[in-house]
Amino acid sequence: MRRWLIPLIAALMLLSGQTVLAAQPQQGVVRDLADANNARCHNPEGITASPEGLLYAAGLSGNICIYDLSGNELGHLIVAPNHALLGELYTPEGIYVADNNPGFTGGRLIRVDPETGAFVVLAEGFGAPNAIAQDHSGTLYVSDSFAGAIYTVSPNGGGKTLWRADPQLQPQGSPPFGANGVAFDRTQSWLYVANTSDDKIFRIRVSDDPTERTIQLFADGATLGPTGTTPATTRSTSQRARSSTSGVSTSRISRWGRRPAGARFLSWEFLSREQLAAANGYCGAIARHSVDRAASHSSVTPGGP
């Protein structure tokens, strides 16, 4: 009996392992999570996640809609009706949001209470505030897509301070949005900035000395193939020491966005090292994406074109 017991146990363990592997999400596949084509949540542009696994999607409705990881809409926060809420960043203090006036006639950075929707204004006078990153000291870095600039804002408020402006970060064509997604590398030695209008990613050296904040071309979407990572898909608003290059395939995102232009209006939040949630402002959908992180770091050479 014992002679047959060991092979039997081994076979059962093998089958059990295959079942577990089969249940794993397929890498590189985009699956619709929620349909936001409604008056409350239409055109979601920003997305962020709480430690409890709640997704907060903001968009052109001026509301922030709340979803669980199964795509169920749990409610919404009325923040600024008809404003364009773009980048978001969830922190223990609240949700930082890039709030644009109707018609993109100016904007501000606000912090929203995730329970009530009440907010405080931290900085005003932006042309088009778009994405938000935060360094280890708590300072917020906000891209201004019309000004082609990055501003810093204290979490305590007090207005904005110009950190870096450059013609390469200005709008270069259509759509007329320049500096967009922002993200630090792991050591916060570089701040990566995507320019939506010309499909390029730049990186800026982080330094207390303004003269040392040099800017370099990091990646050019025109030189990357259909399975590479392009700045057209880097409206990241989940900048917690992660690079802007997340390994999302342009071809897959374009199909999800119904046309290539849809890839230009994405933002996402990492849920884990292998999963991210993405909001597509063009087609009004929220999806989950499985990421092959090993492949995502092999398509672009840091500091290269």
C-alpha atoms as a PDB file:
ATOM      1  CA  MET A   1       0.000   0.000   0.000  1.00  0.00           C
ATOM      2  CA  ARG A   2       2.747   2.403   0.927  1.00  0.00           C
ATOM      3  CA  ARG A   3       4.436   1.717  -2.434  1.00  0.00           C
ATOM      4  CA  TRP A   4       1.400   3.226  -4.224  1.00  0.00           C
ATOM      5  CA  LEU A   5       0.733   5.977  -1.709  1.00  0.00           C
ATOM      6  CA  ILE A   6       3.688   8.202  -2.574  1.00  0.00           C
ATOM      7  CA  PRO A   7       3.039   8.292  -6.375  1.00  0.00           C
ATOM      8  CA  LEU A   8      -0.647   8.955  -5.668  1.00  0.00           C
ATOM      9  CA  ILE A   9       0.110  11.903  -3.405  1.00  0.00           C
ATOM     10  CA  ALA A  10       2.604  13.252  -5.951  1.00  0.00           C
ATOM     11  CA  ALA A  11       0.000  13.029  -8.722  1.00  0.00           C
ATOM     12  CA  LEU A  12      -2.603  14.809  -6.600  1.00  0.00           C
ATOM     13  CA  MET A  13      -0.152  17.601  -5.775  1.00  0.00           C
ATOM     14  CA  LEU A  14       0.687  18.031  -9.453  1.00  0.00           C
ATOM     15  CA  LEU A  15      -2.979  18.296 -10.406  1.00  0.00           C
ATOM     16  CA  SER A  16      -3.603  20.742  -7.580  1.00  0.00           C
ATOM     17  CA  GLY A  17      -0.713  22.921  -8.761  1.00  0.00           C
ATOM     18  CA  GLN A  18      -2.031  22.920 -12.319  1.00  0.00           C
ATOM     19  CA  THR A  19      -5.427  24.054 -11.064  1.00  0.00           C
ATOM     20  CA  VAL A  20      -3.846  26.960  -9.207  1.00  0.00           C
ATOM     21  CA  LEU A  21      -1.734  27.931 -12.217  1.00  0.00           C
ATOM     22  CA  ALA A  22      -4.739  27.785 -14.509  1.00  0.00           C
ATOM     23  CA  ALA A  23      -6.547  30.232 -12.226  1.00  0.00           C
ATOM     24  CA  GLN A  24      -3.827  32.856 -12.532  1.00  0.00           C
ATOM     25  CA  PRO A  25      -4.725  35.862 -14.727  1.00  0.00           C
ATOM     26  CA  GLN A  26      -3.131  35.823 -18.146  1.00  0.00           C
ATOM     27  CA  GLN A  27      -0.410  38.429 -18.380  1.00  0.00           C
ATOM     28  CA  GLY A  28      -0.899  41.283 -20.814  1.00  0.00           C
ATOM     29  CA  VAL A  29      -4.671  40.823 -21.043  1.00  0.00           C
ATOM     30  CA  VAL A  30      -6.992  43.779 -20.465  1.00  0.00           C
ATOM     31  CA  ARG A  31     -10.386  42.935 -19.004  1.00  0.00           C
ATOM     32  CA  ASP A  32     -13.212  45.413 -18.573  1.00  0.00           C
ATOM     33  CA  LEU A  33     -13.890  45.935 -14.883  1.00  0.00           C
ATOM     34  CA  ALA A  34     -16.620  48.589 -14.926  1.00  0.00           C
ATOM     35  CA  ASP A  35     -18.580  50.646 -17.441  1.00  0.00           C
ATOM     36  CA  ALA A  36     -18.469  54.307 -16.451  1.00  0.00           C
ATOM     37  CA  ASN A  37     -20.617  55.583 -19.291  1.00  0.00           C
ATOM     38  CA  ASN A  38     -23.214  57.231 -17.093  1.00  0.00           C
ATOM     39  CA  ALA A  39     -24.000  60.719 -15.852  1.00  0.00           C
ATOM     40  CA  ARG A  40     -22.282  60.132 -12.506  1.00  0.00           C
ATOM     41  CA  CYS A  41     -18.965  58.742 -13.678  1.00  0.00           C
ATOM     42  CA  HIS A  42     -18.489  59.451 -17.394  1.00  0.00           C
ATOM     43  CA  ASN A  43     -15.033  59.922 -18.953  1.00  0.00           C
ATOM     44  CA  PRO A  44     -12.910  58.700 -16.026  1.00  0.00           C
ATOM     45  CA  GLU A  45      -9.450  60.254 -16.292  1.00  0.00           C
ATOM     46  CA  GLY A  46      -7.884  59.601 -12.910  1.00  0.00           C
ATOM     47  CA  ILE A  47      -7.800  56.486 -10.784  1.00  0.00           C
ATOM     48  CA  THR A  48      -6.327  55.652  -7.402  1.00  0.00           C
ATOM     49  CA  ALA A  49      -6.728  52.849  -4.866  1.00  0.00           C
ATOM     50  CA  SER A  50      -7.055  52.714  -1.103  1.00  0.00           C
ATOM     51  CA  PRO A  51      -5.195  50.140   1.021  1.00  0.00           C
ATOM     52  CA  GLU A  52      -8.578  48.465   1.523  1.00  0.00           C
ATOM     53  CA  GLY A  53      -8.838  47.775  -2.208  1.00  0.00           C
ATOM     54  CA  LEU A  54     -11.350  50.457  -3.175  1.00  0.00           C
ATOM     55  CA  LEU A  55     -10.888  52.203  -6.519  1.00  0.00           C
ATOM     56  CA  TYR A  56     -11.606  55.921  -6.817  1.00  0.00           C
ATOM     57  CA  ALA A  57     -12.134  57.049 -10.423  1.00  0.00           C
ATOM     58  CA  ALA A  58     -12.408  60.753 -11.220  1.00  0.00           C
ATOM     59  CA  GLY A  59     -13.345  62.312 -14.530  1.00  0.00           C
ATOM     60  CA  LEU A  60     -15.172  64.953 -16.507  1.00  0.00           C
ATOM     61  CA  SER A  61     -18.347  64.664 -14.423  1.00  0.00           C
ATOM     62  CA  GLY A  62     -16.636  66.372 -11.497  1.00  0.00           C
ATOM     63  CA  ASN A  63     -17.434  63.351  -9.344  1.00  0.00           C
ATOM     64  CA  ILE A  64     -15.262  60.593  -7.919  1.00  0.00           C
ATOM     65  CA  CYS A  65     -16.887  57.179  -8.349  1.00  0.00           C
ATOM     66  CA  ILE A  66     -16.008  54.348  -5.997  1.00  0.00           C
ATOM     67  CA  TYR A  67     -15.658  50.708  -7.118  1.00  0.00           C
ATOM     68  CA  ASP A  68     -14.601  47.466  -5.540  1.00  0.00           C
ATOM     69  CA  LEU A  69     -12.170  45.123  -7.284  1.00  0.00           C
ATOM     70  CA  SER A  70     -15.061  43.205  -8.838  1.00  0.00           C
ATOM     71  CA  GLY A  71     -16.205  46.331 -10.667  1.00  0.00           C
ATOM     72  CA  ASN A  72     -19.247  47.047  -8.500  1.00  0.00           C
ATOM     73  CA  GLU A  73     -20.018  50.742  -8.160  1.00  0.00           C
ATOM     74  CA  LEU A  74     -20.345  51.417  -4.443  1.00  0.00           C
ATOM     75  CA  GLY A  75     -21.194  55.098  -4.624  1.00  0.00           C
ATOM     76  CA  HIS A  76     -19.786  58.429  -5.688  1.00  0.00           C
ATOM     77  CA  LEU A  77     -18.445  61.638  -4.185  1.00  0.00           C
ATOM     78  CA  ILE A  78     -19.808  64.927  -5.555  1.00  0.00           C
ATOM     79  CA  VAL A  79     -16.708  67.122  -5.661  1.00  0.00           C
ATOM     80  CA  ALA A  80     -16.965  69.867  -8.301  1.00  0.00           C
ATOM     81  CA  PRO A  81     -19.806  69.351 -10.801  1.00  0.00           C
ATOM     82  CA  ASN A  82     -18.758  69.652 -14.460  1.00  0.00           C
ATOM     83  CA  HIS A  83     -15.100  70.150 -13.565  1.00  0.00           C
ATOM     84  CA  ALA A  84     -12.489  67.912 -15.193  1.00  0.00           C
ATOM     85  CA  LEU A  85     -10.901  65.894 -12.413  1.00  0.00           C
ATOM     86  CA  LEU A  86      -7.722  64.328 -13.781  1.00  0.00           C
ATOM     87  CA  GLY A  87      -4.836  62.903 -11.751  1.00  0.00           C
ATOM     88  CA  GLU A  88      -5.462  61.428  -8.316  1.00  0.00           C
ATOM     89  CA  LEU A  89      -3.241  60.225  -5.491  1.00  0.00           C
ATOM     90  CA  TYR A  90      -4.595  58.377  -2.454  1.00  0.00           C
ATOM     91  CA  THR A  91      -2.781  59.019   0.839  1.00  0.00           C
ATOM     92  CA  PRO A  92      -3.711  58.637   4.517  1.00  0.00           C
ATOM     93  CA  GLU A  93      -4.468  62.387   4.529  1.00  0.00           C
ATOM     94  CA  GLY A  94      -6.975  62.146   1.689  1.00  0.00           C
ATOM     95  CA  ILE A  95      -7.121  61.972  -2.107  1.00  0.00           C
ATOM     96  CA  TYR A  96      -5.092  64.603  -3.923  1.00  0.00           C
ATOM     97  CA  VAL A  97      -6.869  65.591  -7.143  1.00  0.00           C
ATOM     98  CA  ALA A  98      -5.918  67.752 -10.128  1.00  0.00           C
ATOM     99  CA  ASP A  99      -9.086  69.824 -10.556  1.00  0.00           C
ATOM    100  CA  ASN A 100      -9.639  71.690 -13.839  1.00  0.00           C
ATOM    101  CA  ASN A 101     -12.301  74.316 -14.448  1.00  0.00           C
ATOM    102  CA  PRO A 102     -14.977  73.625 -17.082  1.00  0.00           C
ATOM    103  CA  GLY A 103     -13.464  74.134 -20.524  1.00  0.00           C
ATOM    104  CA  PHE A 104      -9.946  73.863 -19.079  1.00  0.00           C
ATOM    105  CA  THR A 105      -9.833  77.572 -18.235  1.00  0.00           C
ATOM    106  CA  GLY A 106      -7.530  77.037 -15.276  1.00  0.00           C
ATOM    107  CA  GLY A 107      -7.184  74.660 -12.405  1.00  0.00           C
ATOM    108  CA  ARG A 108      -6.144  73.889  -8.863  1.00  0.00           C
ATOM    109  CA  LEU A 109      -4.847  71.105  -6.633  1.00  0.00           C
ATOM    110  CA  ILE A 110      -7.285  69.910  -3.992  1.00  0.00           C
ATOM    111  CA  ARG A 111      -7.364  67.240  -1.290  1.00  0.00           C
ATOM    112  CA  VAL A 112     -10.636  65.343  -1.031  1.00  0.00           C
ATOM    113  CA  ASP A 113     -12.042  63.499   1.975  1.00  0.00           C
ATOM    114  CA  PRO A 114     -12.705  59.960   0.643  1.00  0.00           C
ATOM    115  CA  GLU A 115     -15.657  59.580   3.009  1.00  0.00           C
ATOM    116  CA  THR A 116     -17.588  62.799   2.386  1.00  0.00           C
ATOM    117  CA  GLY A 117     -16.229  64.432  -0.767  1.00  0.00           C
ATOM    118  CA  ALA A 118     -15.410  67.634   1.121  1.00  0.00           C
ATOM    119  CA  PHE A 119     -12.159  69.183  -0.037  1.00  0.00           C
ATOM    120  CA  VAL A 120      -9.561  71.814   0.721  1.00  0.00           C
ATOM    121  CA  VAL A 121      -7.716  73.860  -1.899  1.00  0.00           C
ATOM    122  CA  LEU A 122      -3.932  73.540  -1.668  1.00  0.00           C
ATOM    123  CA  ALA A 123      -2.844  75.522  -4.729  1.00  0.00           C
ATOM    124  CA  GLU A 124      -4.469  77.521  -7.536  1.00  0.00           C
ATOM    125  CA  GLY A 125      -3.387  79.253 -10.741  1.00  0.00           C
ATOM    126  CA  PHE A 126      -2.534  76.213 -12.878  1.00  0.00           C
ATOM    127  CA  GLY A 127      -3.132  76.211 -16.625  1.00  0.00           C
ATOM    128  CA  ALA A 128      -4.137  72.544 -16.679  1.00  0.00           C
ATOM    129  CA  PRO A 129      -3.047  70.507 -13.646  1.00  0.00           C
ATOM    130  CA  ASN A 130      -2.875  66.876 -14.668  1.00  0.00           C
ATOM    131  CA  ALA A 131      -0.884  64.278 -12.716  1.00  0.00           C
ATOM    132  CA  ILE A 132       0.498  64.077  -9.193  1.00  0.00           C
ATOM    133  CA  ALA A 133       3.496  62.414  -7.567  1.00  0.00           C
ATOM    134  CA  GLN A 134       4.726  62.625  -3.988  1.00  0.00           C
ATOM    135  CA  ASP A 135       8.283  62.314  -2.706  1.00  0.00           C
ATOM    136  CA  HIS A 136       9.435  60.767   0.560  1.00  0.00           C
ATOM    137  CA  SER A 137       9.188  64.091   2.379  1.00  0.00           C
ATOM    138  CA  GLY A 138       5.545  64.501   1.387  1.00  0.00           C
ATOM    139  CA  THR A 139       6.051  67.235  -1.193  1.00  0.00           C
ATOM    140  CA  LEU A 140       3.661  66.946  -4.137  1.00  0.00           C
ATOM    141  CA  TYR A 141       4.819  67.289  -7.745  1.00  0.00           C
ATOM    142  CA  VAL A 142       2.077  68.385 -10.149  1.00  0.00           C
ATOM    143  CA  SER A 143       2.333  68.520 -13.929  1.00  0.00           C
ATOM    144  CA  ASP A 144       0.773  71.455 -15.794  1.00  0.00           C
ATOM    145  CA  SER A 145      -0.026  70.299 -19.312  1.00  0.00           C
ATOM    146  CA  PHE A 146      -0.556  73.766 -20.785  1.00  0.00           C
ATOM    147  CA  ALA A 147       2.448  75.423 -19.138  1.00  0.00           C
ATOM    148  CA  GLY A 148       4.831  72.547 -19.870  1.00  0.00           C
ATOM    149  CA  ALA A 149       5.977  72.649 -16.279  1.00  0.00           C
ATOM    150  CA  ILE A 150       6.203  70.777 -12.997  1.00  0.00           C
ATOM    151  CA  TYR A 151       5.197  72.551  -9.805  1.00  0.00           C
ATOM    152  CA  THR A 152       5.694  71.540  -6.184  1.00  0.00           C
ATOM    153  CA  VAL A 153       2.993  71.943  -3.557  1.00  0.00           C
ATOM    154  CA  SER A 154       3.175  71.384   0.172  1.00  0.00           C
ATOM    155  CA  PRO A 155       0.566  68.965   1.575  1.00  0.00           C
ATOM    156  CA  ASN A 156      -0.218  71.783   4.000  1.00  0.00           C
ATOM    157  CA  GLY A 157      -1.167  74.094   1.141  1.00  0.00           C
ATOM    158  CA  GLY A 158       0.248  77.561   0.594  1.00  0.00           C
ATOM    159  CA  GLY A 159       0.247  77.613  -3.201  1.00  0.00           C
ATOM    160  CA  LYS A 160       2.513  76.244  -5.900  1.00  0.00           C
ATOM    161  CA  THR A 161       6.210  76.723  -6.632  1.00  0.00           C
ATOM    162  CA  LEU A 162       7.752  76.242 -10.070  1.00  0.00           C
ATOM    163  CA  TRP A 163      10.119  73.276  -9.912  1.00  0.00           C
ATOM    164  CA  ARG A 164      11.006  72.804 -13.598  1.00  0.00           C
ATOM    165  CA  ALA A 165       9.738  74.183 -16.900  1.00  0.00           C
ATOM    166  CA  ASP A 166      11.064  73.298 -20.335  1.00  0.00           C
ATOM    167  CA  PRO A 167       9.916  73.769 -23.950  1.00  0.00           C
ATOM    168  CA  GLN A 168      10.127  69.982 -24.382  1.00  0.00           C
ATOM    169  CA  LEU A 169       7.332  69.630 -21.828  1.00  0.00           C
ATOM    170  CA  GLN A 170       5.011  72.039 -23.637  1.00  0.00           C
ATOM    171  CA  PRO A 171       2.243  70.901 -26.026  1.00  0.00           C
ATOM    172  CA  GLN A 172       3.764  70.029 -29.397  1.00  0.00           C
ATOM    173  CA  GLY A 173       0.599  69.249 -31.341  1.00  0.00           C
ATOM    174  CA  SER A 174      -2.650  67.407 -30.844  1.00  0.00           C
ATOM    175  CA  PRO A 175      -3.996  66.755 -28.307  1.00  0.00           C
ATOM    176  CA  PRO A 176      -2.781  70.047 -26.808  1.00  0.00           C
ATOM    177  CA  PHE A 177      -1.541  68.508 -23.565  1.00  0.00           C
ATOM    178  CA  GLY A 178       2.165  68.576 -22.808  1.00  0.00           C
ATOM    179  CA  ALA A 179       3.564  67.466 -19.446  1.00  0.00           C
ATOM    180  CA  ASN A 180       1.226  64.774 -18.242  1.00  0.00           C
ATOM    181  CA  GLY A 181       1.949  61.582 -16.265  1.00  0.00           C
ATOM    182  CA  VAL A 182       4.668  61.893 -13.611  1.00  0.00           C
ATOM    183  CA  ALA A 183       6.465  59.223 -11.584  1.00  0.00           C
ATOM    184  CA  PHE A 184       9.637  58.872  -9.527  1.00  0.00           C
ATOM    185  CA  ASP A 185      12.126  56.054  -9.848  1.00  0.00           C
ATOM    186  CA  ARG A 186      12.706  53.917  -6.751  1.00  0.00           C
ATOM    187  CA  THR A 187      15.473  56.097  -5.363  1.00  0.00           C
ATOM    188  CA  GLN A 188      13.725  59.342  -6.339  1.00  0.00           C
ATOM    189  CA  SER A 189      16.820  60.390  -8.241  1.00  0.00           C
ATOM    190  CA  TRP A 190      14.744  61.079 -11.377  1.00  0.00           C
ATOM    191  CA  LEU A 191      11.245  62.324 -12.041  1.00  0.00           C
ATOM    192  CA  TYR A 192       9.769  60.845 -15.229  1.00  0.00           C
ATOM    193  CA  VAL A 193       7.347  62.995 -17.230  1.00  0.00           C
ATOM    194  CA  ALA A 194       5.216  61.947 -20.207  1.00  0.00           C
ATOM    195  CA  ASN A 195       4.391  64.456 -22.942  1.00  0.00           C
ATOM    196  CA  THR A 196       1.060  63.357 -24.396  1.00  0.00           C
ATOM    197  CA  SER A 197       1.209  65.591 -27.470  1.00  0.00           C
ATOM    198  CA  ASP A 198       4.369  64.111 -29.012  1.00  0.00           C
ATOM    199  CA  ASP A 199       4.464  60.633 -27.412  1.00  0.00           C
ATOM    200  CA  LYS A 200       7.696  61.147 -25.512  1.00  0.00           C
ATOM    201  CA  ILE A 201       8.881  60.447 -21.984  1.00  0.00           C
ATOM    202  CA  PHE A 202      11.463  62.688 -20.367  1.00  0.00           C
ATOM    203  CA  ARG A 203      13.237  62.385 -17.077  1.00  0.00           C
ATOM    204  CA  ILE A 204      14.400  65.212 -14.846  1.00  0.00           C
ATOM    205  CA  ARG A 205      17.194  64.884 -12.316  1.00  0.00           C
ATOM    206  CA  VAL A 206      15.926  65.509  -8.791  1.00  0.00           C
ATOM    207  CA  SER A 207      18.056  68.015  -6.936  1.00  0.00           C
ATOM    208  CA  ASP A 208      17.714  70.814  -4.416  1.00  0.00           C
ATOM    209  CA  ASP A 209      19.809  72.903  -6.801  1.00  0.00           C
ATOM    210  CA  PRO A 210      17.606  74.142  -9.689  1.00  0.00           C
ATOM    211  CA  THR A 211      20.628  74.307 -12.008  1.00  0.00           C
ATOM    212  CA  GLU A 212      21.121  70.540 -11.631  1.00  0.00           C
ATOM    213  CA  ARG A 213      17.567  69.605 -12.674  1.00  0.00           C
ATOM    214  CA  THR A 214      18.653  68.556 -16.119  1.00  0.00           C
ATOM    215  CA  ILE A 215      16.113  67.050 -18.492  1.00  0.00           C
ATOM    216  CA  GLN A 216      16.766  64.056 -20.759  1.00  0.00           C
ATOM    217  CA  LEU A 217      14.763  62.212 -23.376  1.00  0.00           C
ATOM    218  CA  PHE A 218      14.007  58.797 -21.914  1.00  0.00           C
ATOM    219  CA  ALA A 219      11.797  57.212 -24.587  1.00  0.00           C
ATOM    220  CA  ASP A 220      10.253  58.215 -27.894  1.00  0.00           C
ATOM    221  CA  GLY A 221       7.009  56.505 -28.815  1.00  0.00           C
ATOM    222  CA  ALA A 222       7.860  56.803 -32.501  1.00  0.00           C
ATOM    223  CA  THR A 223      10.805  54.421 -32.054  1.00  0.00           C
ATOM    224  CA  LEU A 224       8.991  51.697 -30.079  1.00  0.00           C
ATOM    225  CA  GLY A 225       7.213  48.742 -31.648  1.00  0.00           C
ATOM    226  CA  PRO A 226       3.613  47.671 -31.072  1.00  0.00           C
ATOM    227  CA  THR A 227       4.523  45.534 -28.065  1.00  0.00           C
ATOM    228  CA  GLY A 228       6.716  48.161 -26.424  1.00  0.00           C
ATOM    229  CA  THR A 229       5.816  50.665 -23.783  1.00  0.00           C
ATOM    230  CA  THR A 230       4.996  54.119 -25.107  1.00  0.00           C
ATOM    231  CA  PRO A 231       4.345  57.457 -23.458  1.00  0.00           C
ATOM    232  CA  ALA A 232       0.902  57.439 -25.086  1.00  0.00           C
ATOM    233  CA  THR A 233      -0.039  55.056 -22.293  1.00  0.00           C
ATOM    234  CA  THR A 234       1.676  56.801 -19.397  1.00  0.00           C
ATOM    235  CA  ARG A 235      -0.957  58.920 -17.714  1.00  0.00           C
ATOM    236  CA  SER A 236       0.045  57.224 -14.489  1.00  0.00           C
ATOM    237  CA  THR A 237      -1.358  58.690 -11.324  1.00  0.00           C
ATOM    238  CA  SER A 238      -0.003  56.018  -9.017  1.00  0.00           C
ATOM    239  CA  GLN A 239       3.464  57.388  -8.513  1.00  0.00           C
ATOM    240  CA  ARG A 240       4.800  55.538  -5.511  1.00  0.00           C
ATOM    241  CA  ALA A 241       8.463  55.181  -6.535  1.00  0.00           C
ATOM    242  CA  ARG A 242       7.615  53.408  -9.778  1.00  0.00           C
ATOM    243  CA  SER A 243       8.790  54.139 -13.268  1.00  0.00           C
ATOM    244  CA  SER A 244       6.328  55.472 -15.843  1.00  0.00           C
ATOM    245  CA  THR A 245       7.105  52.472 -18.030  1.00  0.00           C
ATOM    246  CA  SER A 246       4.675  49.810 -16.887  1.00  0.00           C
ATOM    247  CA  GLY A 247       4.843  47.368 -19.752  1.00  0.00           C
ATOM    248  CA  VAL A 248       1.336  48.011 -21.059  1.00  0.00           C
ATOM    249  CA  SER A 249       1.177  47.070 -24.712  1.00  0.00           C
ATOM    250  CA  THR A 250       0.106  49.863 -27.052  1.00  0.00           C
ATOM    251  CA  SER A 251      -1.741  47.466 -29.327  1.00  0.00           C
ATOM    252  CA  ARG A 252      -3.778  45.999 -26.484  1.00  0.00           C
ATOM    253  CA  ILE A 253      -4.608  49.356 -24.962  1.00  0.00           C
ATOM    254  CA  SER A 254      -5.556  50.750 -28.366  1.00  0.00           C
ATOM    255  CA  ARG A 255      -8.003  47.910 -28.968  1.00  0.00           C
ATOM    256  CA  TRP A 256      -9.473  48.452 -25.522  1.00  0.00           C
ATOM    257  CA  GLY A 257      -9.743  52.179 -26.289  1.00  0.00           C
ATOM    258  CA  ARG A 258     -11.606  51.458 -29.561  1.00  0.00           C
ATOM    259  CA  ARG A 259      -9.005  53.445 -31.507  1.00  0.00           C
ATOM    260  CA  PRO A 260      -5.363  54.446 -30.985  1.00  0.00           C
ATOM    261  CA  ALA A 261      -6.360  57.860 -29.647  1.00  0.00           C
ATOM    262  CA  GLY A 262      -7.935  56.097 -26.681  1.00  0.00           C
ATOM    263  CA  ALA A 263      -4.485  55.173 -25.421  1.00  0.00           C
ATOM    264  CA  ARG A 264      -3.692  58.840 -24.862  1.00  0.00           C
ATOM    265  CA  PHE A 265      -6.282  59.262 -22.124  1.00  0.00           C
ATOM    266  CA  LEU A 266      -5.303  56.515 -19.704  1.00  0.00           C
ATOM    267  CA  SER A 267      -4.307  56.554 -16.081  1.00  0.00           C
ATOM    268  CA  TRP A 268      -3.698  53.626 -13.808  1.00  0.00           C
ATOM    269  CA  GLU A 269      -2.987  52.440 -10.304  1.00  0.00           C
ATOM    270  CA  PHE A 270      -0.938  49.384  -9.384  1.00  0.00           C
ATOM    271  CA  LEU A 271      -2.971  46.995  -7.230  1.00  0.00           C
ATOM    272  CA  SER A 272      -0.036  44.617  -6.799  1.00  0.00           C
ATOM    273  CA  ARG A 273       3.230  43.895  -8.571  1.00  0.00           C
ATOM    274  CA  GLU A 274       1.353  41.993 -11.287  1.00  0.00           C
ATOM    275  CA  GLN A 275      -2.022  43.773 -11.454  1.00  0.00           C
ATOM    276  CA  LEU A 276      -3.060  47.309 -12.275  1.00  0.00           C
ATOM    277  CA  ALA A 277      -6.382  49.085 -12.687  1.00  0.00           C
ATOM    278  CA  ALA A 278      -6.703  51.513 -15.589  1.00  0.00           C
ATOM    279  CA  ALA A 279      -9.217  54.253 -16.382  1.00  0.00           C
ATOM    280  CA  ASN A 280      -9.842  55.160 -20.019  1.00  0.00           C
ATOM    281  CA  GLY A 281     -11.266  58.653 -20.322  1.00  0.00           C
ATOM    282  CA  TYR A 282     -11.911  58.230 -24.022  1.00  0.00           C
ATOM    283  CA  CYS A 283     -14.253  55.239 -23.962  1.00  0.00           C
ATOM    284  CA  GLY A 284     -15.493  55.604 -20.381  1.00  0.00           C
ATOM    285  CA  ALA A 285     -14.334  52.253 -19.041  1.00  0.00           C
ATOM    286  CA  ILE A 286     -12.297  50.910 -16.140  1.00  0.00           C
ATOM    287  CA  ALA A 287     -10.262  47.735 -16.549  1.00  0.00           C
ATOM    288  CA  ARG A 288      -7.824  45.420 -14.807  1.00  0.00           C
ATOM    289  CA  HIS A 289      -4.567  44.540 -16.518  1.00  0.00           C
ATOM    290  CA  SER A 290      -2.096  41.750 -15.785  1.00  0.00           C
ATOM    291  CA  VAL A 291       1.482  42.932 -16.177  1.00  0.00           C
ATOM    292  CA  ASP A 292       4.570  40.935 -17.081  1.00  0.00           C
ATOM    293  CA  ARG A 293       6.983  43.042 -15.056  1.00  0.00           C
ATOM    294  CA  ALA A 294      10.028  41.157 -16.295  1.00  0.00           C
ATOM    295  CA  ALA A 295       9.155  42.058 -19.876  1.00  0.00           C
ATOM    296  CA  SER A 296       8.205  45.609 -18.967  1.00  0.00           C
ATOM    297  CA  HIS A 297      11.748  46.468 -17.934  1.00  0.00           C
ATOM    298  CA  SER A 298      13.437  45.022 -21.003  1.00  0.00           C
ATOM    299  CA  SER A 299      11.945  47.195 -23.739  1.00  0.00           C
ATOM    300  CA  VAL A 300      13.500  50.582 -22.876  1.00  0.00           C
ATOM    301  CA  THR A 301      17.049  51.513 -21.938  1.00  0.00           C
ATOM    302  CA  PRO A 302      17.165  54.062 -19.092  1.00  0.00           C
ATOM    303  CA  GLY A 303      18.426  57.376 -20.376  1.00  0.00           C
ATOM    304  CA  GLY A 304      18.215  56.284 -23.984  1.00  0.00           C
ATOM    305  CA  PRO A 305      15.847  57.332 -26.746  1.00  0.00           C
END
